[in-house]
């Protein structure tokens, strides 16, 4: 199941802060992203539970939500789908497009070079 943009915002909060209540997620979204109504966050997190994107611990009064998958696993799946659909599966085409559209700092280039050396 591919998360929507709003679902990804919620997942980002959960990945960054760990298992959380709807109130905490909603407050964090309002502080970091954009104004969101509590009822909208609650409904979306209930839908995400039904989809299997998050799990809900109902053992206490406040329900606590957690991501169903690790951040890296979800991002890998999304990236693979993106590369397949937009670049015919070519990671090099994606990288060339990225570097062609964005000014990359010397520090970022050094990190990339180090990463590529480790792959050899």
PDB file of N, CA and C in Angstrom:
ATOM      1  N   UNK A   1       0.843  -1.182   0.000  1.00  0.00           N
ATOM      2  CA  UNK A   1       0.000   0.000   0.000  1.00  0.00           C
ATOM      3  C   UNK A   1       0.885   1.241   0.000  1.00  0.00           C
ATOM      4  N   UNK A   2       0.676   2.129  -0.951  1.00  0.00           N
ATOM      5  CA  UNK A   2       1.479   3.342  -1.042  1.00  0.00           C
ATOM      6  C   UNK A   2       0.807   4.470  -0.268  1.00  0.00           C
ATOM      7  N   UNK A   3       1.513   5.037   0.728  1.00  0.00           N
ATOM      8  CA  UNK A   3       0.930   6.130   1.517  1.00  0.00           C
ATOM      9  C   UNK A   3       0.732   7.399   0.679  1.00  0.00           C
ATOM     10  N   UNK A   4      -0.324   8.135   0.999  1.00  0.00           N
ATOM     11  CA  UNK A   4      -0.567   9.433   0.366  1.00  0.00           C
ATOM     12  C   UNK A   4       0.392  10.459   0.972  1.00  0.00           C
ATOM     13  N   UNK A   5       0.385  11.670   0.431  1.00  0.00           N
ATOM     14  CA  UNK A   5       1.241  12.734   0.954  1.00  0.00           C
ATOM     15  C   UNK A   5       0.921  13.017   2.429  1.00  0.00           C
ATOM     16  N   UNK A   6      -0.352  13.107   2.756  1.00  0.00           N
ATOM     17  CA  UNK A   6      -0.747  13.376   4.153  1.00  0.00           C
ATOM     18  C   UNK A   6      -0.356  12.216   5.068  1.00  0.00           C
ATOM     19  N   UNK A   7      -0.490  10.999   4.566  1.00  0.00           N
ATOM     20  CA  UNK A   7      -0.096   9.828   5.367  1.00  0.00           C
ATOM     21  C   UNK A   7       1.415   9.820   5.584  1.00  0.00           C
ATOM     22  N   UNK A   8       2.171  10.235   4.586  1.00  0.00           N
ATOM     23  CA  UNK A   8       3.625  10.316   4.743  1.00  0.00           C
ATOM     24  C   UNK A   8       4.025  11.361   5.784  1.00  0.00           C
ATOM     25  N   UNK A   9       3.289  12.454   5.849  1.00  0.00           N
ATOM     26  CA  UNK A   9       3.569  13.461   6.880  1.00  0.00           C
ATOM     27  C   UNK A   9       3.397  12.862   8.269  1.00  0.00           C
ATOM     28  N   UNK A  10       2.354  12.078   8.445  1.00  0.00           N
ATOM     29  CA  UNK A  10       2.111  11.420   9.733  1.00  0.00           C
ATOM     30  C   UNK A  10       3.211  10.401  10.014  1.00  0.00           C
ATOM     31  N   UNK A  11       3.571   9.610   9.005  1.00  0.00           N
ATOM     32  CA  UNK A  11       4.643   8.629   9.185  1.00  0.00           C
ATOM     33  C   UNK A  11       5.954   9.313   9.567  1.00  0.00           C
ATOM     34  N   UNK A  12       6.232  10.470   8.974  1.00  0.00           N
ATOM     35  CA  UNK A  12       7.465  11.193   9.309  1.00  0.00           C
ATOM     36  C   UNK A  12       7.495  11.546  10.802  1.00  0.00           C
ATOM     37  N   UNK A  13       6.363  11.962  11.329  1.00  0.00           N
ATOM     38  CA  UNK A  13       6.285  12.284  12.763  1.00  0.00           C
ATOM     39  C   UNK A  13       6.542  11.027  13.590  1.00  0.00           C
ATOM     40  N   UNK A  14       5.901   9.930  13.211  1.00  0.00           N
ATOM     41  CA  UNK A  14       6.057   8.683  13.968  1.00  0.00           C
ATOM     42  C   UNK A  14       7.480   8.151  13.874  1.00  0.00           C
ATOM     43  N   UNK A  15       8.100   8.237  12.713  1.00  0.00           N
ATOM     44  CA  UNK A  15       9.486   7.782  12.565  1.00  0.00           C
ATOM     45  C   UNK A  15      10.427   8.648  13.379  1.00  0.00           C
ATOM     46  N   UNK A  16      10.173   9.932  13.403  1.00  0.00           N
ATOM     47  CA  UNK A  16      11.064  10.854  14.117  1.00  0.00           C
ATOM     48  C   UNK A  16      10.900  10.761  15.632  1.00  0.00           C
ATOM     49  N   UNK A  17       9.655  10.622  16.097  1.00  0.00           N
ATOM     50  CA  UNK A  17       9.386  10.706  17.533  1.00  0.00           C
ATOM     51  C   UNK A  17       9.018   9.372  18.183  1.00  0.00           C
ATOM     52  N   UNK A  18       8.795   8.354  17.390  1.00  0.00           N
ATOM     53  CA  UNK A  18       8.416   7.054  17.943  1.00  0.00           C
ATOM     54  C   UNK A  18       6.914   6.976  18.154  1.00  0.00           C
ATOM     55  N   UNK A  19       6.454   5.873  18.752  1.00  0.00           N
ATOM     56  CA  UNK A  19       5.022   5.683  18.973  1.00  0.00           C
ATOM     57  C   UNK A  19       4.395   6.906  19.646  1.00  0.00           C
ATOM     58  N   UNK A  20       3.242   7.331  19.114  1.00  0.00           N
ATOM     59  CA  UNK A  20       2.658   8.599  19.564  1.00  0.00           C
ATOM     60  C   UNK A  20       1.136   8.551  19.542  1.00  0.00           C
ATOM     61  N   UNK A  21       0.541   9.453  20.300  1.00  0.00           N
ATOM     62  CA  UNK A  21      -0.912   9.613  20.287  1.00  0.00           C
ATOM     63  C   UNK A  21      -1.311  10.501  19.106  1.00  0.00           C
ATOM     64  N   UNK A  22      -2.593  10.485  18.799  1.00  0.00           N
ATOM     65  CA  UNK A  22      -3.111  11.354  17.746  1.00  0.00           C
ATOM     66  C   UNK A  22      -2.867  12.813  18.114  1.00  0.00           C
ATOM     67  N   UNK A  23      -3.071  13.164  19.367  1.00  0.00           N
ATOM     68  CA  UNK A  23      -2.872  14.547  19.826  1.00  0.00           C
ATOM     69  C   UNK A  23      -1.442  14.995  19.555  1.00  0.00           C
ATOM     70  N   UNK A  24      -0.465  14.148  19.902  1.00  0.00           N
ATOM     71  CA  UNK A  24       0.930  14.510  19.690  1.00  0.00           C
ATOM     72  C   UNK A  24       1.222  14.690  18.203  1.00  0.00           C
ATOM     73  N   UNK A  25       0.750  13.754  17.380  1.00  0.00           N
ATOM     74  CA  UNK A  25       0.969  13.834  15.933  1.00  0.00           C
ATOM     75  C   UNK A  25       0.337  15.105  15.382  1.00  0.00           C
ATOM     76  N   UNK A  26      -0.895  15.375  15.778  1.00  0.00           N
ATOM     77  CA  UNK A  26      -1.589  16.569  15.300  1.00  0.00           C
ATOM     78  C   UNK A  26      -0.859  17.848  15.711  1.00  0.00           C
ATOM     79  N   UNK A  27      -0.443  17.929  16.965  1.00  0.00           N
ATOM     80  CA  UNK A  27       0.280  19.115  17.441  1.00  0.00           C
ATOM     81  C   UNK A  27       1.593  19.295  16.680  1.00  0.00           C
ATOM     82  N   UNK A  28       2.289  18.204  16.424  1.00  0.00           N
ATOM     83  CA  UNK A  28       3.558  18.267  15.696  1.00  0.00           C
ATOM     84  C   UNK A  28       3.338  18.719  14.262  1.00  0.00           C
ATOM     85  N   UNK A  29       2.311  18.194  13.608  1.00  0.00           N
ATOM     86  CA  UNK A  29       2.004  18.618  12.242  1.00  0.00           C
ATOM     87  C   UNK A  29       1.690  20.112  12.200  1.00  0.00           C
ATOM     88  N   UNK A  30       0.935  20.592  13.187  1.00  0.00           N
ATOM     89  CA  UNK A  30       0.590  22.016  13.247  1.00  0.00           C
ATOM     90  C   UNK A  30       1.818  22.888  13.472  1.00  0.00           C
ATOM     91  N   UNK A  31       2.784  22.391  14.220  1.00  0.00           N
ATOM     92  CA  UNK A  31       4.009  23.155  14.489  1.00  0.00           C
ATOM     93  C   UNK A  31       4.972  23.119  13.307  1.00  0.00           C
ATOM     94  N   UNK A  32       5.097  21.951  12.665  1.00  0.00           N
ATOM     95  CA  UNK A  32       6.157  21.758  11.677  1.00  0.00           C
ATOM     96  C   UNK A  32       5.688  21.845  10.225  1.00  0.00           C
ATOM     97  N   UNK A  33       4.442  21.527   9.949  1.00  0.00           N
ATOM     98  CA  UNK A  33       4.001  21.418   8.556  1.00  0.00           C
ATOM     99  C   UNK A  33       2.967  22.479   8.192  1.00  0.00           C
ATOM    100  N   UNK A  34       1.758  22.272   8.690  1.00  0.00           N
ATOM    101  CA  UNK A  34       0.644  23.134   8.295  1.00  0.00           C
ATOM    102  C   UNK A  34      -0.491  22.942   9.301  1.00  0.00           C
ATOM    103  N   UNK A  35      -1.469  23.833   9.255  1.00  0.00           N
ATOM    104  CA  UNK A  35      -2.612  23.739  10.163  1.00  0.00           C
ATOM    105  C   UNK A  35      -3.483  22.547   9.783  1.00  0.00           C
ATOM    106  N   UNK A  36      -3.712  21.674  10.755  1.00  0.00           N
ATOM    107  CA  UNK A  36      -4.516  20.473  10.542  1.00  0.00           C
ATOM    108  C   UNK A  36      -5.474  20.329  11.720  1.00  0.00           C
ATOM    109  N   UNK A  37      -6.723  20.017  11.425  1.00  0.00           N
ATOM    110  CA  UNK A  37      -7.710  19.786  12.477  1.00  0.00           C
ATOM    111  C   UNK A  37      -7.465  18.434  13.151  1.00  0.00           C
ATOM    112  N   UNK A  38      -7.677  18.370  14.456  1.00  0.00           N
ATOM    113  CA  UNK A  38      -7.496  17.120  15.200  1.00  0.00           C
ATOM    114  C   UNK A  38      -8.354  16.009  14.605  1.00  0.00           C
ATOM    115  N   UNK A  39      -9.599  16.323  14.290  1.00  0.00           N
ATOM    116  CA  UNK A  39     -10.505  15.293  13.769  1.00  0.00           C
ATOM    117  C   UNK A  39     -10.009  14.731  12.433  1.00  0.00           C
ATOM    118  N   UNK A  40      -9.371  15.569  11.623  1.00  0.00           N
ATOM    119  CA  UNK A  40      -8.814  15.106  10.347  1.00  0.00           C
ATOM    120  C   UNK A  40      -7.640  14.167  10.578  1.00  0.00           C
ATOM    121  N   UNK A  41      -6.774  14.516  11.524  1.00  0.00           N
ATOM    122  CA  UNK A  41      -5.630  13.660  11.846  1.00  0.00           C
ATOM    123  C   UNK A  41      -6.112  12.327  12.401  1.00  0.00           C
ATOM    124  N   UNK A  42      -7.099  12.372  13.296  1.00  0.00           N
ATOM    125  CA  UNK A  42      -7.653  11.153  13.868  1.00  0.00           C
ATOM    126  C   UNK A  42      -8.222  10.249  12.780  1.00  0.00           C
ATOM    127  N   UNK A  43      -9.042  10.799  11.911  1.00  0.00           N
ATOM    128  CA  UNK A  43      -9.665  10.008  10.853  1.00  0.00           C
ATOM    129  C   UNK A  43      -8.610   9.399   9.927  1.00  0.00           C
ATOM    130  N   UNK A  44      -7.619  10.200   9.562  1.00  0.00           N
ATOM    131  CA  UNK A  44      -6.570   9.710   8.675  1.00  0.00           C
ATOM    132  C   UNK A  44      -5.769   8.591   9.338  1.00  0.00           C
ATOM    133  N   UNK A  45      -5.473   8.717  10.616  1.00  0.00           N
ATOM    134  CA  UNK A  45      -4.730   7.671  11.314  1.00  0.00           C
ATOM    135  C   UNK A  45      -5.571   6.404  11.476  1.00  0.00           C
ATOM    136  N   UNK A  46      -6.890   6.548  11.607  1.00  0.00           N
ATOM    137  CA  UNK A  46      -7.771   5.373  11.632  1.00  0.00           C
ATOM    138  C   UNK A  46      -7.755   4.673  10.277  1.00  0.00           C
ATOM    139  N   UNK A  47      -7.786   5.451   9.204  1.00  0.00           N
ATOM    140  CA  UNK A  47      -7.717   4.886   7.849  1.00  0.00           C
ATOM    141  C   UNK A  47      -6.371   4.190   7.645  1.00  0.00           C
ATOM    142  N   UNK A  48      -5.298   4.826   8.118  1.00  0.00           N
ATOM    143  CA  UNK A  48      -3.972   4.228   7.993  1.00  0.00           C
ATOM    144  C   UNK A  48      -3.885   2.905   8.749  1.00  0.00           C
ATOM    145  N   UNK A  49      -4.577   2.816   9.870  1.00  0.00           N
ATOM    146  CA  UNK A  49      -4.625   1.562  10.623  1.00  0.00           C
ATOM    147  C   UNK A  49      -5.341   0.497   9.802  1.00  0.00           C
ATOM    148  N   UNK A  50      -6.467   0.852   9.220  1.00  0.00           N
ATOM    149  CA  UNK A  50      -7.224  -0.090   8.382  1.00  0.00           C
ATOM    150  C   UNK A  50      -6.408  -0.567   7.186  1.00  0.00           C
ATOM    151  N   UNK A  51      -5.592   0.329   6.625  1.00  0.00           N
ATOM    152  CA  UNK A  51      -4.749  -0.013   5.475  1.00  0.00           C
ATOM    153  C   UNK A  51      -3.521  -0.837   5.868  1.00  0.00           C
ATOM    154  N   UNK A  52      -3.198  -0.865   7.170  1.00  0.00           N
ATOM    155  CA  UNK A  52      -2.013  -1.578   7.633  1.00  0.00           C
ATOM    156  C   UNK A  52      -0.742  -0.747   7.580  1.00  0.00           C
ATOM    157  N   UNK A  53      -0.869   0.567   7.440  1.00  0.00           N
ATOM    158  CA  UNK A  53       0.297   1.453   7.378  1.00  0.00           C
ATOM    159  C   UNK A  53       0.824   1.744   8.783  1.00  0.00           C
ATOM    160  N   UNK A  54      -0.091   1.828   9.750  1.00  0.00           N
ATOM    161  CA  UNK A  54       0.294   2.001  11.150  1.00  0.00           C
ATOM    162  C   UNK A  54      -0.427   0.955  11.984  1.00  0.00           C
ATOM    163  N   UNK A  55       0.096   0.745  13.181  1.00  0.00           N
ATOM    164  CA  UNK A  55      -0.578  -0.124  14.141  1.00  0.00           C
ATOM    165  C   UNK A  55      -1.037   0.737  15.312  1.00  0.00           C
ATOM    166  N   UNK A  56      -2.057   0.249  16.031  1.00  0.00           N
ATOM    167  CA  UNK A  56      -2.615   1.012  17.150  1.00  0.00           C
ATOM    168  C   UNK A  56      -2.590   0.149  18.396  1.00  0.00           C
ATOM    169  N   UNK A  57      -1.993   0.671  19.464  1.00  0.00           N
ATOM    170  CA  UNK A  57      -1.988   0.005  20.765  1.00  0.00           C
ATOM    171  C   UNK A  57      -3.148   0.568  21.569  1.00  0.00           C
ATOM    172  N   UNK A  58      -4.120  -0.279  21.844  1.00  0.00           N
ATOM    173  CA  UNK A  58      -5.326   0.146  22.558  1.00  0.00           C
ATOM    174  C   UNK A  58      -5.319  -0.294  24.019  1.00  0.00           C
ATOM    175  N   UNK A  59      -4.137  -0.631  24.548  1.00  0.00           N
ATOM    176  CA  UNK A  59      -4.062  -1.168  25.902  1.00  0.00           C
ATOM    177  C   UNK A  59      -4.245  -0.107  26.993  1.00  0.00           C
ATOM    178  N   UNK A  60      -4.158   1.163  26.645  1.00  0.00           N
ATOM    179  CA  UNK A  60      -4.389   2.214  27.637  1.00  0.00           C
ATOM    180  C   UNK A  60      -5.487   3.139  27.135  1.00  0.00           C
ATOM    181  N   UNK A  61      -5.842   4.121  27.956  1.00  0.00           N
ATOM    182  CA  UNK A  61      -6.903   5.058  27.589  1.00  0.00           C
ATOM    183  C   UNK A  61      -6.562   5.797  26.294  1.00  0.00           C
ATOM    184  N   UNK A  62      -5.309   6.233  26.186  1.00  0.00           N
ATOM    185  CA  UNK A  62      -4.873   6.933  24.983  1.00  0.00           C
ATOM    186  C   UNK A  62      -4.301   5.909  24.018  1.00  0.00           C
ATOM    187  N   UNK A  63      -4.860   5.848  22.834  1.00  0.00           N
ATOM    188  CA  UNK A  63      -4.353   4.932  21.825  1.00  0.00           C
ATOM    189  C   UNK A  63      -3.028   5.469  21.289  1.00  0.00           C
ATOM    190  N   UNK A  64      -2.074   4.572  21.153  1.00  0.00           N
ATOM    191  CA  UNK A  64      -0.745   4.944  20.684  1.00  0.00           C
ATOM    192  C   UNK A  64      -0.514   4.277  19.334  1.00  0.00           C
ATOM    193  N   UNK A  65      -0.098   5.080  18.353  1.00  0.00           N
ATOM    194  CA  UNK A  65       0.109   4.604  16.990  1.00  0.00           C
ATOM    195  C   UNK A  65       1.596   4.460  16.699  1.00  0.00           C
ATOM    196  N   UNK A  66       1.928   3.439  15.910  1.00  0.00           N
ATOM    197  CA  UNK A  66       3.303   3.187  15.482  1.00  0.00           C
ATOM    198  C   UNK A  66       3.303   2.846  14.003  1.00  0.00           C
ATOM    199  N   UNK A  67       4.391   3.151  13.314  1.00  0.00           N
ATOM    200  CA  UNK A  67       4.484   2.741  11.905  1.00  0.00           C
ATOM    201  C   UNK A  67       4.516   1.219  11.815  1.00  0.00           C
ATOM    202  N   UNK A  68       3.862   0.670  10.805  1.00  0.00           N
ATOM    203  CA  UNK A  68       3.854  -0.780  10.629  1.00  0.00           C
ATOM    204  C   UNK A  68       5.169  -1.270  10.046  1.00  0.00           C
ATOM    205  N   UNK A  69       5.872  -0.409   9.301  1.00  0.00           N
ATOM    206  CA  UNK A  69       7.160  -0.762   8.701  1.00  0.00           C
ATOM    207  C   UNK A  69       8.213   0.252   9.102  1.00  0.00           C
ATOM    208  N   UNK A  70       9.463  -0.184   9.051  1.00  0.00           N
ATOM    209  CA  UNK A  70      10.572   0.720   9.327  1.00  0.00           C
ATOM    210  C   UNK A  70      10.641   1.798   8.252  1.00  0.00           C
ATOM    211  N   UNK A  71      11.178   2.934   8.625  1.00  0.00           N
ATOM    212  CA  UNK A  71      11.299   4.069   7.706  1.00  0.00           C
ATOM    213  C   UNK A  71      12.058   3.684   6.440  1.00  0.00           C
ATOM    214  N   UNK A  72      13.205   3.042   6.598  1.00  0.00           N
ATOM    215  CA  UNK A  72      14.034   2.682   5.454  1.00  0.00           C
ATOM    216  C   UNK A  72      13.323   1.761   4.480  1.00  0.00           C
ATOM    217  N   UNK A  73      12.578   0.810   4.996  1.00  0.00           N
ATOM    218  CA  UNK A  73      11.861  -0.137   4.143  1.00  0.00           C
ATOM    219  C   UNK A  73      10.782   0.573   3.320  1.00  0.00           C
ATOM    220  N   UNK A  74      10.042   1.454   3.962  1.00  0.00           N
ATOM    221  CA  UNK A  74       8.992   2.202   3.268  1.00  0.00           C
ATOM    222  C   UNK A  74       9.594   3.117   2.214  1.00  0.00           C
ATOM    223  N   UNK A  75      10.645   3.834   2.568  1.00  0.00           N
ATOM    224  CA  UNK A  75      11.278   4.750   1.622  1.00  0.00           C
ATOM    225  C   UNK A  75      11.888   3.995   0.446  1.00  0.00           C
ATOM    226  N   UNK A  76      12.450   2.820   0.704  1.00  0.00           N
ATOM    227  CA  UNK A  76      13.014   2.022  -0.387  1.00  0.00           C
ATOM    228  C   UNK A  76      11.931   1.608  -1.367  1.00  0.00           C
ATOM    229  N   UNK A  77      10.800   1.158  -0.861  1.00  0.00           N
ATOM    230  CA  UNK A  77       9.684   0.761  -1.733  1.00  0.00           C
ATOM    231  C   UNK A  77       9.186   1.940  -2.569  1.00  0.00           C
ATOM    232  N   UNK A  78       9.004   3.090  -1.918  1.00  0.00           N
ATOM    233  CA  UNK A  78       8.517   4.275  -2.622  1.00  0.00           C
ATOM    234  C   UNK A  78       9.517   4.738  -3.681  1.00  0.00           C
ATOM    235  N   UNK A  79      10.797   4.711  -3.338  1.00  0.00           N
ATOM    236  CA  UNK A  79      11.816   5.131  -4.290  1.00  0.00           C
ATOM    237  C   UNK A  79      11.870   4.185  -5.484  1.00  0.00           C
ATOM    238  N   UNK A  80      11.781   2.886  -5.233  1.00  0.00           N
ATOM    239  CA  UNK A  80      11.791   1.914  -6.328  1.00  0.00           C
ATOM    240  C   UNK A  80      10.610   2.141  -7.268  1.00  0.00           C
ATOM    241  N   UNK A  81       9.441   2.382  -6.722  1.00  0.00           N
ATOM    242  CA  UNK A  81       8.267   2.653  -7.559  1.00  0.00           C
ATOM    243  C   UNK A  81       8.455   3.932  -8.367  1.00  0.00           C
ATOM    244  N   UNK A  82       9.004   4.946  -7.716  1.00  0.00           N
ATOM    245  CA  UNK A  82       9.233   6.228  -8.391  1.00  0.00           C
ATOM    246  C   UNK A  82      10.222   6.057  -9.544  1.00  0.00           C
ATOM    247  N   UNK A  83      11.335   5.413  -9.279  1.00  0.00           N
ATOM    248  CA  UNK A  83      12.354   5.217 -10.316  1.00  0.00           C
ATOM    249  C   UNK A  83      11.783   4.374 -11.458  1.00  0.00           C
ATOM    250  N   UNK A  84      11.043   3.344 -11.121  1.00  0.00           N
ATOM    251  CA  UNK A  84      10.431   2.500 -12.162  1.00  0.00           C
ATOM    252  C   UNK A  84       9.461   3.292 -13.033  1.00  0.00           C
ATOM    253  N   UNK A  85       8.611   4.097 -12.407  1.00  0.00           N
ATOM    254  CA  UNK A  85       7.576   4.791 -13.170  1.00  0.00           C
ATOM    255  C   UNK A  85       8.080   6.036 -13.887  1.00  0.00           C
ATOM    256  N   UNK A  86       9.038   6.748 -13.302  1.00  0.00           N
ATOM    257  CA  UNK A  86       9.489   8.015 -13.884  1.00  0.00           C
ATOM    258  C   UNK A  86      10.761   7.894 -14.722  1.00  0.00           C
ATOM    259  N   UNK A  87      11.596   6.906 -14.416  1.00  0.00           N
ATOM    260  CA  UNK A  87      12.894   6.792 -15.077  1.00  0.00           C
ATOM    261  C   UNK A  87      13.134   5.410 -15.670  1.00  0.00           C
ATOM    262  N   UNK A  88      12.057   4.688 -15.942  1.00  0.00           N
ATOM    263  CA  UNK A  88      12.154   3.345 -16.531  1.00  0.00           C
ATOM    264  C   UNK A  88      13.136   2.447 -15.779  1.00  0.00           C
ATOM    265  N   UNK A  89      13.181   2.604 -14.465  1.00  0.00           N
ATOM    266  CA  UNK A  89      14.036   1.766 -13.635  1.00  0.00           C
ATOM    267  C   UNK A  89      15.494   2.173 -13.594  1.00  0.00           C
ATOM    268  N   UNK A  90      15.857   3.279 -14.202  1.00  0.00           N
ATOM    269  CA  UNK A  90      17.249   3.703 -14.284  1.00  0.00           C
ATOM    270  C   UNK A  90      17.602   4.663 -13.146  1.00  0.00           C
ATOM    271  N   UNK A  91      18.351   4.159 -12.176  1.00  0.00           N
ATOM    272  CA  UNK A  91      18.786   5.000 -11.063  1.00  0.00           C
ATOM    273  C   UNK A  91      19.742   6.085 -11.545  1.00  0.00           C
ATOM    274  N   UNK A  92      20.568   5.772 -12.543  1.00  0.00           N
ATOM    275  CA  UNK A  92      21.513   6.778 -13.040  1.00  0.00           C
ATOM    276  C   UNK A  92      20.776   7.952 -13.681  1.00  0.00           C
ATOM    277  N   UNK A  93      19.665   7.692 -14.368  1.00  0.00           N
ATOM    278  CA  UNK A  93      18.873   8.780 -14.947  1.00  0.00           C
ATOM    279  C   UNK A  93      18.314   9.679 -13.852  1.00  0.00           C
ATOM    280  N   UNK A  94      17.865   9.079 -12.777  1.00  0.00           N
ATOM    281  CA  UNK A  94      17.365   9.854 -11.639  1.00  0.00           C
ATOM    282  C   UNK A  94      18.468  10.737 -11.070  1.00  0.00           C
ATOM    283  N   UNK A  95      19.636  10.165 -10.847  1.00  0.00           N
ATOM    284  CA  UNK A  95      20.747  10.914 -10.261  1.00  0.00           C
ATOM    285  C   UNK A  95      21.167  12.058 -11.176  1.00  0.00           C
ATOM    286  N   UNK A  96      21.260  11.793 -12.474  1.00  0.00           N
ATOM    287  CA  UNK A  96      21.643  12.837 -13.421  1.00  0.00           C
ATOM    288  C   UNK A  96      20.615  13.974 -13.425  1.00  0.00           C
ATOM    289  N   UNK A  97      19.341  13.625 -13.364  1.00  0.00           N
ATOM    290  CA  UNK A  97      18.280  14.637 -13.304  1.00  0.00           C
ATOM    291  C   UNK A  97      18.397  15.446 -12.022  1.00  0.00           C
ATOM    292  N   UNK A  98      18.638  14.783 -10.928  1.00  0.00           N
ATOM    293  CA  UNK A  98      18.757  15.444  -9.635  1.00  0.00           C
ATOM    294  C   UNK A  98      19.917  16.426  -9.616  1.00  0.00           C
ATOM    295  N   UNK A  99      21.074  15.987 -10.066  1.00  0.00           N
ATOM    296  CA  UNK A  99      22.233  16.877 -10.083  1.00  0.00           C
ATOM    297  C   UNK A  99      22.079  17.992 -11.098  1.00  0.00           C
ATOM    298  N   UNK A 100      21.339  17.745 -12.157  1.00  0.00           N
ATOM    299  CA  UNK A 100      21.119  18.773 -13.168  1.00  0.00           C
ATOM    300  C   UNK A 100      20.177  19.870 -12.715  1.00  0.00           C
ATOM    301  N   UNK A 101      19.312  19.572 -11.739  1.00  0.00           N
ATOM    302  CA  UNK A 101      18.300  20.531 -11.297  1.00  0.00           C
ATOM    303  C   UNK A 101      18.626  21.208  -9.979  1.00  0.00           C
ATOM    304  N   UNK A 102      19.638  20.741  -9.266  1.00  0.00           N
ATOM    305  CA  UNK A 102      19.883  21.254  -7.925  1.00  0.00           C
ATOM    306  C   UNK A 102      21.365  21.560  -7.745  1.00  0.00           C
ATOM    307  N   UNK A 103      21.622  22.643  -7.080  1.00  0.00           N
ATOM    308  CA  UNK A 103      22.995  22.976  -6.747  1.00  0.00           C
ATOM    309  C   UNK A 103      23.423  22.102  -5.574  1.00  0.00           C
ATOM    310  N   UNK A 104      24.416  21.272  -5.808  1.00  0.00           N
ATOM    311  CA  UNK A 104      24.888  20.352  -4.787  1.00  0.00           C
ATOM    312  C   UNK A 104      26.139  20.936  -4.146  1.00  0.00           C
ATOM    313  N   UNK A 105      26.146  20.970  -2.815  1.00  0.00           N
ATOM    314  CA  UNK A 105      27.284  21.551  -2.102  1.00  0.00           C
ATOM    315  C   UNK A 105      28.507  20.634  -2.197  1.00  0.00           C
ATOM    316  N   UNK A 106      29.673  21.205  -1.934  1.00  0.00           N
ATOM    317  CA  UNK A 106      30.907  20.422  -1.942  1.00  0.00           C
ATOM    318  C   UNK A 106      30.842  19.317  -0.893  1.00  0.00           C
ATOM    319  N   UNK A 107      30.261  19.609   0.255  1.00  0.00           N
ATOM    320  CA  UNK A 107      30.143  18.610   1.317  1.00  0.00           C
ATOM    321  C   UNK A 107      29.274  17.437   0.871  1.00  0.00           C
ATOM    322  N   UNK A 108      28.158  17.755   0.203  1.00  0.00           N
ATOM    323  CA  UNK A 108      27.287  16.692  -0.301  1.00  0.00           C
ATOM    324  C   UNK A 108      28.002  15.855  -1.360  1.00  0.00           C
ATOM    325  N   UNK A 109      28.723  16.519  -2.254  1.00  0.00           N
ATOM    326  CA  UNK A 109      29.472  15.784  -3.276  1.00  0.00           C
ATOM    327  C   UNK A 109      30.536  14.892  -2.649  1.00  0.00           C
ATOM    328  N   UNK A 110      31.212  15.374  -1.614  1.00  0.00           N
ATOM    329  CA  UNK A 110      32.210  14.559  -0.919  1.00  0.00           C
ATOM    330  C   UNK A 110      31.557  13.336  -0.270  1.00  0.00           C
ATOM    331  N   UNK A 111      30.394  13.515   0.338  1.00  0.00           N
ATOM    332  CA  UNK A 111      29.675  12.386   0.935  1.00  0.00           C
ATOM    333  C   UNK A 111      29.293  11.360  -0.123  1.00  0.00           C
ATOM    334  N   UNK A 112      28.823  11.844  -1.264  1.00  0.00           N
ATOM    335  CA  UNK A 112      28.433  10.950  -2.363  1.00  0.00           C
ATOM    336  C   UNK A 112      29.647  10.191  -2.879  1.00  0.00           C
ATOM    337  N   UNK A 113      30.775  10.884  -3.059  1.00  0.00           N
ATOM    338  CA  UNK A 113      32.005  10.225  -3.522  1.00  0.00           C
ATOM    339  C   UNK A 113      32.444   9.148  -2.532  1.00  0.00           C
ATOM    340  N   UNK A 114      32.391   9.455  -1.229  1.00  0.00           N
ATOM    341  CA  UNK A 114      32.755   8.468  -0.213  1.00  0.00           C
ATOM    342  C   UNK A 114      31.824   7.261  -0.277  1.00  0.00           C
ATOM    343  N   UNK A 115      30.560   7.519  -0.442  1.00  0.00           N
ATOM    344  CA  UNK A 115      29.585   6.443  -0.541  1.00  0.00           C
ATOM    345  C   UNK A 115      29.889   5.549  -1.738  1.00  0.00           C
ATOM    346  N   UNK A 116      30.175   6.162  -2.884  1.00  0.00           N
ATOM    347  CA  UNK A 116      30.456   5.404  -4.108  1.00  0.00           C
ATOM    348  C   UNK A 116      31.744   4.586  -3.958  1.00  0.00           C
ATOM    349  N   UNK A 117      32.743   5.133  -3.274  1.00  0.00           N
ATOM    350  CA  UNK A 117      33.985   4.387  -3.028  1.00  0.00           C
ATOM    351  C   UNK A 117      33.716   3.142  -2.203  1.00  0.00           C
ATOM    352  N   UNK A 118      32.814   3.259  -1.229  1.00  0.00           N
ATOM    353  CA  UNK A 118      32.491   2.119  -0.369  1.00  0.00           C
ATOM    354  C   UNK A 118      31.753   1.027  -1.126  1.00  0.00           C
ATOM    355  N   UNK A 119      31.031   1.406  -2.173  1.00  0.00           N
ATOM    356  CA  UNK A 119      30.308   0.420  -2.983  1.00  0.00           C
ATOM    357  C   UNK A 119      31.241  -0.449  -3.812  1.00  0.00           C
ATOM    358  N   UNK A 120      32.421   0.075  -4.158  1.00  0.00           N
ATOM    359  CA  UNK A 120      33.392  -0.676  -4.984  1.00  0.00           C
ATOM    360  C   UNK A 120      34.009  -1.823  -4.267  1.00  0.00           C
TER     361      UNK A 120
END
